[in-house]
Amino acid sequence: MPANYNGTWVMEKNDNFDGYMKALDIDFATRKIAAHLTQTKELIQEGDNFKTKTTSTFRNYEVNFTVGVEFEEKTKGLDDRVVKTLVSWDGDKLICVQKGEKNNRGWKHWIEGDKLYLELTCENEVCLQVFKKKN
């Protein structure tokens, strides 16, 4: 049985978010605002079906997916692109590949103890975010 991702997770760490946003061609003003935000992730997992909501005081983003089923994702509120997204299991890790105009785009999620890790990649940039489970 894969890991249980259910819960509300509050950001503790956000390394190289600016580099990641630059790789996505996000404008300077938006990057400066986003760099100072604390995000909260709400994850609802029912087997391989996920409902995710990322919230902050600046922008919110929701994406729902089923592991193993490719879908068209509109990254509205992020970089406003359309990508083909596929999320799969690698043990207890969720691995996402996003195909579109940017190379090496995607993310990895995993849990260690009460921490949720999110590694975001685009082009040659890697951002590591760490979230703590909210009680």
C-alpha atoms as a PDB file:
ATOM      1  CA  MET A   1       0.000   0.000   0.000  1.00  0.00           C
ATOM      2  CA  PRO A   2       1.432   3.395  -0.981  1.00  0.00           C
ATOM      3  CA  ALA A   3       1.934   6.169   1.559  1.00  0.00           C
ATOM      4  CA  ASN A   4      -1.003   8.095   3.032  1.00  0.00           C
ATOM      5  CA  TYR A   5      -0.789  11.730   1.860  1.00  0.00           C
ATOM      6  CA  ASN A   6      -4.069  12.845   3.465  1.00  0.00           C
ATOM      7  CA  GLY A   7      -3.932  15.991   5.548  1.00  0.00           C
ATOM      8  CA  THR A   8      -3.128  19.662   5.711  1.00  0.00           C
ATOM      9  CA  TRP A   9       0.534  20.559   5.342  1.00  0.00           C
ATOM     10  CA  VAL A  10       2.123  23.953   6.161  1.00  0.00           C
ATOM     11  CA  MET A  11       5.313  25.127   4.426  1.00  0.00           C
ATOM     12  CA  GLU A  12       8.492  25.296   6.502  1.00  0.00           C
ATOM     13  CA  LYS A  13      11.164  25.548   3.798  1.00  0.00           C
ATOM     14  CA  ASN A  14      11.279  26.769   0.186  1.00  0.00           C
ATOM     15  CA  ASP A  15      14.772  26.467  -1.342  1.00  0.00           C
ATOM     16  CA  ASN A  16      15.468  27.891  -4.846  1.00  0.00           C
ATOM     17  CA  PHE A  17      11.855  28.847  -5.550  1.00  0.00           C
ATOM     18  CA  ASP A  18      13.077  31.954  -7.412  1.00  0.00           C
ATOM     19  CA  GLY A  19      15.293  29.855  -9.710  1.00  0.00           C
ATOM     20  CA  TYR A  20      12.394  27.504 -10.421  1.00  0.00           C
ATOM     21  CA  MET A  21      10.063  30.430 -11.198  1.00  0.00           C
ATOM     22  CA  LYS A  22      12.688  31.997 -13.496  1.00  0.00           C
ATOM     23  CA  ALA A  23      12.861  28.714 -15.435  1.00  0.00           C
ATOM     24  CA  LEU A  24       9.069  28.961 -15.885  1.00  0.00           C
ATOM     25  CA  ASP A  25       9.484  32.549 -17.219  1.00  0.00           C
ATOM     26  CA  ILE A  26       7.487  34.072 -14.345  1.00  0.00           C
ATOM     27  CA  ASP A  27       7.896  37.847 -14.222  1.00  0.00           C
ATOM     28  CA  PHE A  28      10.110  39.622 -11.674  1.00  0.00           C
ATOM     29  CA  ALA A  29       7.298  41.261  -9.651  1.00  0.00           C
ATOM     30  CA  THR A  30       5.361  38.014  -9.261  1.00  0.00           C
ATOM     31  CA  ARG A  31       8.542  36.155  -8.256  1.00  0.00           C
ATOM     32  CA  LYS A  32       9.332  38.731  -5.558  1.00  0.00           C
ATOM     33  CA  ILE A  33       5.833  38.464  -4.073  1.00  0.00           C
ATOM     34  CA  ALA A  34       5.743  34.645  -4.290  1.00  0.00           C
ATOM     35  CA  ALA A  35       9.150  34.278  -2.628  1.00  0.00           C
ATOM     36  CA  HIS A  36       7.751  35.698   0.635  1.00  0.00           C
ATOM     37  CA  LEU A  37       4.630  33.545   0.843  1.00  0.00           C
ATOM     38  CA  THR A  38       3.949  30.569   3.049  1.00  0.00           C
ATOM     39  CA  GLN A  39       1.893  27.934   1.278  1.00  0.00           C
ATOM     40  CA  THR A  40      -0.535  25.438   2.754  1.00  0.00           C
ATOM     41  CA  LYS A  41      -1.330  22.177   0.962  1.00  0.00           C
ATOM     42  CA  GLU A  42      -4.547  20.258   1.501  1.00  0.00           C
ATOM     43  CA  LEU A  43      -4.367  16.712   0.144  1.00  0.00           C
ATOM     44  CA  ILE A  44      -7.258  14.280  -0.041  1.00  0.00           C
ATOM     45  CA  GLN A  45      -6.260  10.793  -1.153  1.00  0.00           C
ATOM     46  CA  GLU A  46      -8.659   7.961  -1.884  1.00  0.00           C
ATOM     47  CA  GLY A  47      -6.521   5.116  -3.204  1.00  0.00           C
ATOM     48  CA  ASP A  48      -4.948   6.431  -6.414  1.00  0.00           C
ATOM     49  CA  ASN A  49      -7.299   9.439  -6.645  1.00  0.00           C
ATOM     50  CA  PHE A  50      -5.977  12.770  -5.354  1.00  0.00           C
ATOM     51  CA  LYS A  51      -7.583  16.150  -4.776  1.00  0.00           C
ATOM     52  CA  THR A  52      -4.967  18.810  -4.034  1.00  0.00           C
ATOM     53  CA  LYS A  53      -5.300  22.451  -3.099  1.00  0.00           C
ATOM     54  CA  THR A  54      -2.349  24.783  -2.543  1.00  0.00           C
ATOM     55  CA  THR A  55      -3.266  28.072  -0.888  1.00  0.00           C
ATOM     56  CA  SER A  56      -1.444  31.281   0.021  1.00  0.00           C
ATOM     57  CA  THR A  57      -2.412  34.911   0.543  1.00  0.00           C
ATOM     58  CA  PHE A  58      -1.449  35.640  -3.095  1.00  0.00           C
ATOM     59  CA  ARG A  59      -2.713  32.762  -5.261  1.00  0.00           C
ATOM     60  CA  ASN A  60      -4.421  29.416  -4.903  1.00  0.00           C
ATOM     61  CA  TYR A  61      -4.044  26.369  -7.126  1.00  0.00           C
ATOM     62  CA  GLU A  62      -6.088  23.176  -7.334  1.00  0.00           C
ATOM     63  CA  VAL A  63      -5.356  20.031  -9.293  1.00  0.00           C
ATOM     64  CA  ASN A  64      -7.061  16.655  -9.107  1.00  0.00           C
ATOM     65  CA  PHE A  65      -5.581  13.518 -10.622  1.00  0.00           C
ATOM     66  CA  THR A  66      -5.579   9.747 -10.679  1.00  0.00           C
ATOM     67  CA  VAL A  67      -2.207   8.032 -10.484  1.00  0.00           C
ATOM     68  CA  GLY A  68      -1.383   6.373 -13.810  1.00  0.00           C
ATOM     69  CA  VAL A  69      -3.873   8.433 -15.867  1.00  0.00           C
ATOM     70  CA  GLU A  70      -2.439  11.186 -18.100  1.00  0.00           C
ATOM     71  CA  PHE A  71      -4.456  14.410 -18.196  1.00  0.00           C
ATOM     72  CA  GLU A  72      -4.302  17.923 -19.592  1.00  0.00           C
ATOM     73  CA  GLU A  73      -3.365  20.381 -16.837  1.00  0.00           C
ATOM     74  CA  LYS A  74      -3.904  24.127 -17.136  1.00  0.00           C
ATOM     75  CA  THR A  75      -1.367  25.750 -14.814  1.00  0.00           C
ATOM     76  CA  LYS A  76      -3.587  28.811 -14.274  1.00  0.00           C
ATOM     77  CA  GLY A  77      -2.230  30.935 -11.473  1.00  0.00           C
ATOM     78  CA  LEU A  78       1.267  29.503 -11.903  1.00  0.00           C
ATOM     79  CA  ASP A  79       2.759  30.030 -15.359  1.00  0.00           C
ATOM     80  CA  ASP A  80      -0.517  29.780 -17.305  1.00  0.00           C
ATOM     81  CA  ARG A  81       0.521  26.959 -19.632  1.00  0.00           C
ATOM     82  CA  VAL A  82      -1.152  23.753 -20.748  1.00  0.00           C
ATOM     83  CA  VAL A  83       0.855  20.601 -20.087  1.00  0.00           C
ATOM     84  CA  LYS A  84       0.255  16.860 -20.381  1.00  0.00           C
ATOM     85  CA  THR A  85       0.627  15.550 -16.840  1.00  0.00           C
ATOM     86  CA  LEU A  86       1.210  11.981 -15.661  1.00  0.00           C
ATOM     87  CA  VAL A  87       1.657  11.056 -11.999  1.00  0.00           C
ATOM     88  CA  SER A  88       2.936   7.598 -11.047  1.00  0.00           C
ATOM     89  CA  TRP A  89       4.056   5.736  -7.938  1.00  0.00           C
ATOM     90  CA  ASP A  90       7.721   4.929  -7.315  1.00  0.00           C
ATOM     91  CA  GLY A  91       7.421   3.003  -4.059  1.00  0.00           C
ATOM     92  CA  ASP A  92       5.868   5.537  -1.665  1.00  0.00           C
ATOM     93  CA  LYS A  93       6.881   8.533  -3.814  1.00  0.00           C
ATOM     94  CA  LEU A  94       4.586  10.318  -6.233  1.00  0.00           C
ATOM     95  CA  ILE A  95       6.460  11.192  -9.430  1.00  0.00           C
ATOM     96  CA  CYS A  96       4.958  13.698 -11.882  1.00  0.00           C
ATOM     97  CA  VAL A  97       6.094  14.364 -15.449  1.00  0.00           C
ATOM     98  CA  GLN A  98       4.681  17.423 -17.209  1.00  0.00           C
ATOM     99  CA  LYS A  99       5.170  17.543 -20.989  1.00  0.00           C
ATOM    100  CA  GLY A 100       4.944  20.915 -22.681  1.00  0.00           C
ATOM    101  CA  GLU A 101       7.125  23.746 -23.909  1.00  0.00           C
ATOM    102  CA  LYS A 102       9.526  23.504 -20.930  1.00  0.00           C
ATOM    103  CA  ASN A 103      12.029  20.653 -20.600  1.00  0.00           C
ATOM    104  CA  ASN A 104      12.500  18.479 -17.512  1.00  0.00           C
ATOM    105  CA  ARG A 105       9.301  19.769 -15.912  1.00  0.00           C
ATOM    106  CA  GLY A 106       7.603  17.935 -13.070  1.00  0.00           C
ATOM    107  CA  TRP A 107       7.685  17.182  -9.363  1.00  0.00           C
ATOM    108  CA  LYS A 108       8.211  14.489  -6.739  1.00  0.00           C
ATOM    109  CA  HIS A 109       6.307  14.170  -3.438  1.00  0.00           C
ATOM    110  CA  TRP A 110       7.319  11.977  -0.519  1.00  0.00           C
ATOM    111  CA  ILE A 111       6.718  11.749   3.209  1.00  0.00           C
ATOM    112  CA  GLU A 112       9.244  11.255   6.009  1.00  0.00           C
ATOM    113  CA  GLY A 113       7.737  11.270   9.504  1.00  0.00           C
ATOM    114  CA  ASP A 114       5.470  14.328   9.811  1.00  0.00           C
ATOM    115  CA  LYS A 115       7.104  16.098   6.840  1.00  0.00           C
ATOM    116  CA  LEU A 116       5.927  16.269   3.244  1.00  0.00           C
ATOM    117  CA  TYR A 117       8.665  16.934   0.695  1.00  0.00           C
ATOM    118  CA  LEU A 118       8.054  18.441  -2.735  1.00  0.00           C
ATOM    119  CA  GLU A 119      10.840  18.660  -5.294  1.00  0.00           C
ATOM    120  CA  LEU A 120       9.882  20.867  -8.259  1.00  0.00           C
ATOM    121  CA  THR A 121      11.935  20.753 -11.457  1.00  0.00           C
ATOM    122  CA  CYS A 122      11.973  22.807 -14.646  1.00  0.00           C
ATOM    123  CA  GLU A 123      14.811  22.997 -17.154  1.00  0.00           C
ATOM    124  CA  ASN A 124      17.985  22.847 -14.976  1.00  0.00           C
ATOM    125  CA  GLU A 125      16.392  24.299 -11.816  1.00  0.00           C
ATOM    126  CA  VAL A 126      15.332  22.322  -8.741  1.00  0.00           C
ATOM    127  CA  CYS A 127      13.257  23.749  -5.891  1.00  0.00           C
ATOM    128  CA  LEU A 128      12.834  21.829  -2.623  1.00  0.00           C
ATOM    129  CA  GLN A 129       9.832  22.615  -0.460  1.00  0.00           C
ATOM    130  CA  VAL A 130       9.226  21.039   2.952  1.00  0.00           C
ATOM    131  CA  PHE A 131       5.857  21.024   4.691  1.00  0.00           C
ATOM    132  CA  LYS A 132       4.916  19.971   8.232  1.00  0.00           C
ATOM    133  CA  LYS A 133       1.663  18.134   8.903  1.00  0.00           C
ATOM    134  CA  LYS A 134      -0.859  20.316  10.696  1.00  0.00           C
ATOM    135  CA  ASN A 135      -2.600  18.676  13.651  1.00  0.00           C
END
